[in-house]
Amino acid sequence: MVLVDNATYSFGFQIDNGIPIIPFYDSKKDEELISLADYLKKLANETDVRQMNRNHFKFRTIAESKSPENSFDRVIKEKHQEFYG
């Protein structure tokens, strides 16, 4: 089960089930639904969506950081490790 919302506090107690989206404000350039659909298609093949969400959104890394700058650095380092080992 996933919870899609533009307010991350809506899934704060189930952070690994949350999918954040950008709010819609009647813009013809809005493509958030297309991105969401692509991501949901990937999730459809997973037995546990929480792991994919954990890896994709990095909410835990951000939540465990002491400052915004620190969280950004940690996410970048984790991504670098994923790609380069």
Protein backbone atom coordinates (compact mmCIF):
# COMPACT_ATOMS: atom_id res chain seq x y z
CA MET A 1 0.00 0.00 0.00
CA VAL A 2 1.23 3.51 -0.79
CA LEU A 3 -0.01 6.94 0.18
CA VAL A 4 0.43 9.68 -2.42
CA ASP A 5 0.22 13.24 -1.12
CA ASN A 6 1.75 16.66 -1.57
CA ALA A 7 2.00 17.02 2.23
CA THR A 8 4.65 14.63 3.52
CA TYR A 9 3.31 14.88 7.07
CA SER A 10 0.32 12.85 5.79
CA PHE A 11 2.51 9.76 5.73
CA GLY A 12 4.94 10.72 8.48
CA PHE A 13 4.15 7.66 10.60
CA GLN A 14 4.43 5.34 7.56
CA ILE A 15 7.27 7.16 5.82
CA ASP A 16 8.34 4.21 3.68
CA ASN A 17 4.83 3.92 2.22
CA GLY A 18 4.69 7.58 1.18
CA ILE A 19 5.11 9.02 -2.29
CA PRO A 20 5.47 12.80 -2.33
CA ILE A 21 4.08 14.80 -5.24
CA ILE A 22 4.15 18.44 -6.22
CA PRO A 23 0.83 20.24 -5.62
CA PHE A 24 -1.34 20.92 -8.67
CA TYR A 25 -2.29 24.54 -9.29
CA ASP A 26 -4.10 24.38 -12.64
CA SER A 27 -0.98 24.54 -14.81
CA LYS A 28 -1.04 23.16 -18.34
CA LYS A 29 2.68 22.37 -17.92
CA ASP A 30 2.04 20.08 -14.94
CA GLU A 31 3.43 16.59 -15.59
CA GLU A 32 3.38 15.23 -12.06
CA LEU A 33 0.77 12.59 -12.90
CA ILE A 34 2.94 11.26 -15.72
CA SER A 35 5.92 10.91 -13.35
CA LEU A 36 3.71 9.33 -10.72
CA ALA A 37 2.30 6.82 -13.22
CA ASP A 38 5.81 5.83 -14.33
CA TYR A 39 6.91 5.31 -10.72
CA LEU A 40 3.76 3.33 -9.85
CA LYS A 41 4.39 1.03 -12.81
CA LYS A 42 7.83 0.24 -11.35
CA LEU A 43 6.29 -0.36 -7.93
CA ALA A 44 3.76 -2.80 -9.40
CA ASN A 45 6.53 -5.38 -9.83
CA GLU A 46 7.80 -5.09 -6.26
CA THR A 47 6.77 -7.44 -3.48
CA ASP A 48 7.48 -4.76 -0.86
CA VAL A 49 7.13 -1.14 -2.03
CA ARG A 50 8.75 0.18 1.14
CA GLN A 51 12.26 -0.82 0.10
CA MET A 52 11.98 0.86 -3.30
CA ASN A 53 10.53 4.00 -1.72
CA ARG A 54 13.32 3.98 0.88
CA ASN A 55 15.97 3.82 -1.83
CA HIS A 56 14.28 6.32 -4.13
CA PHE A 57 13.16 9.10 -1.78
CA LYS A 58 15.80 8.86 1.00
CA PHE A 59 13.37 10.15 3.66
CA ARG A 60 15.13 8.26 6.44
CA THR A 61 18.49 9.79 5.53
CA ILE A 62 16.97 13.26 5.64
CA ALA A 63 15.05 12.60 8.87
CA GLU A 64 18.16 11.31 10.64
CA SER A 65 20.28 14.33 9.67
CA LYS A 66 20.93 17.17 12.07
CA SER A 67 20.64 19.94 9.48
CA PRO A 68 19.36 20.45 5.90
CA GLU A 69 22.94 20.81 4.64
CA ASN A 70 23.94 17.60 6.38
CA SER A 71 20.99 15.68 4.92
CA PHE A 72 21.78 16.88 1.39
CA ASP A 73 25.42 15.79 1.79
CA ARG A 74 24.35 12.37 3.08
CA VAL A 75 21.94 11.77 0.18
CA ILE A 76 24.62 12.78 -2.36
CA LYS A 77 27.18 10.48 -0.71
CA GLU A 78 24.72 7.57 -0.72
CA LYS A 79 23.91 8.12 -4.41
CA HIS A 80 27.62 8.30 -5.21
CA GLN A 81 28.18 5.00 -3.37
CA GLU A 82 25.31 3.36 -5.30
CA PHE A 83 26.85 4.26 -8.64
CA TYR A 84 30.58 4.02 -7.92
CA GLY A 85 30.80 1.60 -5.00
